[in-house]
Amino acid sequence: MTTNTPLTMTNTPAADDPAAVELPPTQPIDITPFLSHTS
């Protein structure tokens, strides 16, 4: 769980930039469940 916290933190900004520009709004919505799981 501790290893998932930092990994998700780095994945949030990194995936938010390329995913939002490379993929449509359908991708960012898929990341929502990931953030909820970390919370």
PDB file of N, CA and C in Angstrom:
ATOM      1  N   MET A   1       0.843  -1.206   0.000  1.00  0.00           N
ATOM      2  CA  MET A   1       0.000   0.000   0.000  1.00  0.00           C
ATOM      3  C   MET A   1       0.882   1.261   0.000  1.00  0.00           C
ATOM      4  N   THR A   2       1.981   1.160   0.744  1.00  0.00           N
ATOM      5  CA  THR A   2       2.881   2.315   0.826  1.00  0.00           C
ATOM      6  C   THR A   2       3.574   2.545  -0.512  1.00  0.00           C
ATOM      7  N   THR A   3       3.817   1.448  -1.225  1.00  0.00           N
ATOM      8  CA  THR A   3       4.491   1.565  -2.518  1.00  0.00           C
ATOM      9  C   THR A   3       3.516   2.067  -3.581  1.00  0.00           C
ATOM     10  N   ASN A   4       2.234   1.882  -3.330  1.00  0.00           N
ATOM     11  CA  ASN A   4       1.223   2.307  -4.292  1.00  0.00           C
ATOM     12  C   ASN A   4       0.957   3.807  -4.186  1.00  0.00           C
ATOM     13  N   THR A   5       1.182   4.350  -3.002  1.00  0.00           N
ATOM     14  CA  THR A   5       0.943   5.775  -2.769  1.00  0.00           C
ATOM     15  C   THR A   5       1.847   6.652  -3.640  1.00  0.00           C
ATOM     16  N   PRO A   6       3.166   6.444  -3.587  1.00  0.00           N
ATOM     17  CA  PRO A   6       4.091   7.253  -4.388  1.00  0.00           C
ATOM     18  C   PRO A   6       3.937   6.989  -5.885  1.00  0.00           C
ATOM     19  N   LEU A   7       3.658   5.743  -6.231  1.00  0.00           N
ATOM     20  CA  LEU A   7       3.503   5.372  -7.633  1.00  0.00           C
ATOM     21  C   LEU A   7       2.290   6.065  -8.238  1.00  0.00           C
ATOM     22  N   THR A   8       1.210   6.129  -7.464  1.00  0.00           N
ATOM     23  CA  THR A   8      -0.015   6.762  -7.943  1.00  0.00           C
ATOM     24  C   THR A   8       0.168   8.276  -8.028  1.00  0.00           C
ATOM     25  N   MET A   9       0.938   8.814  -7.106  1.00  0.00           N
ATOM     26  CA  MET A   9       1.180  10.260  -7.084  1.00  0.00           C
ATOM     27  C   MET A   9       1.931  10.696  -8.342  1.00  0.00           C
ATOM     28  N   THR A  10       2.910   9.876  -8.733  1.00  0.00           N
ATOM     29  CA  THR A  10       3.710  10.196  -9.914  1.00  0.00           C
ATOM     30  C   THR A  10       2.919   9.882 -11.184  1.00  0.00           C
ATOM     31  N   ASN A  11       1.984   8.969 -11.064  1.00  0.00           N
ATOM     32  CA  ASN A  11       1.188   8.570 -12.223  1.00  0.00           C
ATOM     33  C   ASN A  11       0.078   9.582 -12.505  1.00  0.00           C
ATOM     34  N   THR A  12      -0.355  10.269 -11.453  1.00  0.00           N
ATOM     35  CA  THR A  12      -1.439  11.239 -11.597  1.00  0.00           C
ATOM     36  C   THR A  12      -1.055  12.392 -12.538  1.00  0.00           C
ATOM     37  N   PRO A  13       0.023  13.111 -12.253  1.00  0.00           N
ATOM     38  CA  PRO A  13       0.440  14.241 -13.094  1.00  0.00           C
ATOM     39  C   PRO A  13       0.968  13.771 -14.452  1.00  0.00           C
ATOM     40  N   ALA A  14       1.670  12.659 -14.456  1.00  0.00           N
ATOM     41  CA  ALA A  14       2.267  12.144 -15.694  1.00  0.00           C
ATOM     42  C   ALA A  14       1.179  11.651 -16.646  1.00  0.00           C
ATOM     43  N   ALA A  15       0.180  10.973 -16.098  1.00  0.00           N
ATOM     44  CA  ALA A  15      -0.892  10.426 -16.935  1.00  0.00           C
ATOM     45  C   ALA A  15      -1.904  11.515 -17.295  1.00  0.00           C
ATOM     46  N   ASP A  16      -1.963  12.530 -16.444  1.00  0.00           N
ATOM     47  CA  ASP A  16      -2.923  13.611 -16.679  1.00  0.00           C
ATOM     48  C   ASP A  16      -2.496  14.465 -17.880  1.00  0.00           C
ATOM     49  N   ASP A  17      -1.185  14.596 -18.073  1.00  0.00           N
ATOM     50  CA  ASP A  17      -0.669  15.425 -19.161  1.00  0.00           C
ATOM     51  C   ASP A  17      -0.725  14.701 -20.505  1.00  0.00           C
ATOM     52  N   PRO A  18      -0.036  13.576 -20.638  1.00  0.00           N
ATOM     53  CA  PRO A  18      -0.010  12.840 -21.911  1.00  0.00           C
ATOM     54  C   PRO A  18      -1.359  12.210 -22.243  1.00  0.00           C
ATOM     55  N   ALA A  19      -2.039  11.695 -21.229  1.00  0.00           N
ATOM     56  CA  ALA A  19      -3.319  11.020 -21.453  1.00  0.00           C
ATOM     57  C   ALA A  19      -4.371  12.022 -21.923  1.00  0.00           C
ATOM     58  N   ALA A  20      -4.325  13.218 -21.360  1.00  0.00           N
ATOM     59  CA  ALA A  20      -5.324  14.229 -21.697  1.00  0.00           C
ATOM     60  C   ALA A  20      -5.054  14.807 -23.089  1.00  0.00           C
ATOM     61  N   VAL A  21      -3.786  14.787 -23.496  1.00  0.00           N
ATOM     62  CA  VAL A  21      -3.422  15.361 -24.796  1.00  0.00           C
ATOM     63  C   VAL A  21      -3.388  14.276 -25.875  1.00  0.00           C
ATOM     64  N   GLU A  22      -2.964  13.070 -25.462  1.00  0.00           N
ATOM     65  CA  GLU A  22      -2.862  11.980 -26.440  1.00  0.00           C
ATOM     66  C   GLU A  22      -4.211  11.293 -26.632  1.00  0.00           C
ATOM     67  N   LEU A  23      -4.893  11.055 -25.526  1.00  0.00           N
ATOM     68  CA  LEU A  23      -6.177  10.354 -25.590  1.00  0.00           C
ATOM     69  C   LEU A  23      -7.322  11.314 -25.283  1.00  0.00           C
ATOM     70  N   PRO A  24      -8.541  10.912 -25.659  1.00  0.00           N
ATOM     71  CA  PRO A  24      -9.735  11.732 -25.449  1.00  0.00           C
ATOM     72  C   PRO A  24     -10.107  11.811 -23.968  1.00  0.00           C
ATOM     73  N   PRO A  25     -11.219  12.498 -23.653  1.00  0.00           N
ATOM     74  CA  PRO A  25     -11.690  12.652 -22.274  1.00  0.00           C
ATOM     75  C   PRO A  25     -12.099  11.321 -21.645  1.00  0.00           C
ATOM     76  N   THR A  26     -12.127  10.276 -22.463  1.00  0.00           N
ATOM     77  CA  THR A  26     -12.509   8.957 -21.941  1.00  0.00           C
ATOM     78  C   THR A  26     -11.383   8.364 -21.097  1.00  0.00           C
ATOM     79  N   GLN A  27     -10.163   8.805 -21.358  1.00  0.00           N
ATOM     80  CA  GLN A  27      -9.009   8.288 -20.622  1.00  0.00           C
ATOM     81  C   GLN A  27      -8.944   8.874 -19.211  1.00  0.00           C
ATOM     82  N   PRO A  28      -9.018  10.188 -19.058  1.00  0.00           N
ATOM     83  CA  PRO A  28      -8.983  10.836 -17.739  1.00  0.00           C
ATOM     84  C   PRO A  28     -10.066  10.293 -16.807  1.00  0.00           C
ATOM     85  N   ILE A  29     -11.223   9.959 -17.378  1.00  0.00           N
ATOM     86  CA  ILE A  29     -12.331   9.431 -16.569  1.00  0.00           C
ATOM     87  C   ILE A  29     -11.954   8.061 -16.004  1.00  0.00           C
ATOM     88  N   ASP A  30     -11.118   7.339 -16.766  1.00  0.00           N
ATOM     89  CA  ASP A  30     -10.692   6.006 -16.329  1.00  0.00           C
ATOM     90  C   ASP A  30      -9.710   6.110 -15.160  1.00  0.00           C
ATOM     91  N   ILE A  31      -9.059   7.262 -15.045  1.00  0.00           N
ATOM     92  CA  ILE A  31      -8.086   7.478 -13.962  1.00  0.00           C
ATOM     93  C   ILE A  31      -8.808   7.818 -12.657  1.00  0.00           C
ATOM     94  N   THR A  32     -10.056   8.261 -12.771  1.00  0.00           N
ATOM     95  CA  THR A  32     -10.825   8.634 -11.577  1.00  0.00           C
ATOM     96  C   THR A  32     -10.910   7.488 -10.568  1.00  0.00           C
ATOM     97  N   PRO A  33     -11.236   6.281 -11.011  1.00  0.00           N
ATOM     98  CA  PRO A  33     -11.321   5.135 -10.087  1.00  0.00           C
ATOM     99  C   PRO A  33      -9.963   4.840  -9.451  1.00  0.00           C
ATOM    100  N   PHE A  34      -8.900   5.139 -10.175  1.00  0.00           N
ATOM    101  CA  PHE A  34      -7.557   4.901  -9.640  1.00  0.00           C
ATOM    102  C   PHE A  34      -7.273   5.826  -8.466  1.00  0.00           C
ATOM    103  N   LEU A  35      -7.671   7.080  -8.614  1.00  0.00           N
ATOM    104  CA  LEU A  35      -7.451   8.060  -7.543  1.00  0.00           C
ATOM    105  C   LEU A  35      -8.329   7.731  -6.344  1.00  0.00           C
ATOM    106  N   SER A  36      -9.530   7.267  -6.615  1.00  0.00           N
ATOM    107  CA  SER A  36     -10.459   6.930  -5.531  1.00  0.00           C
ATOM    108  C   SER A  36      -9.921   5.751  -4.731  1.00  0.00           C
ATOM    109  N   HIS A  37      -9.229   4.844  -5.420  1.00  0.00           N
ATOM    110  CA  HIS A  37      -8.686   3.655  -4.756  1.00  0.00           C
ATOM    111  C   HIS A  37      -7.545   4.047  -3.815  1.00  0.00           C
ATOM    112  N   THR A  38      -6.810   5.097  -4.206  1.00  0.00           N
ATOM    113  CA  THR A  38      -5.691   5.558  -3.378  1.00  0.00           C
ATOM    114  C   THR A  38      -6.214   6.294  -2.156  1.00  0.00           C
ATOM    115  N   SER A  39      -7.304   6.988  -2.344  1.00  0.00           N
ATOM    116  CA  SER A  39      -7.877   7.754  -1.235  1.00  0.00           C
ATOM    117  C   SER A  39      -8.372   6.802  -0.160  1.00  0.00           C
TER     118      SER A  39
END
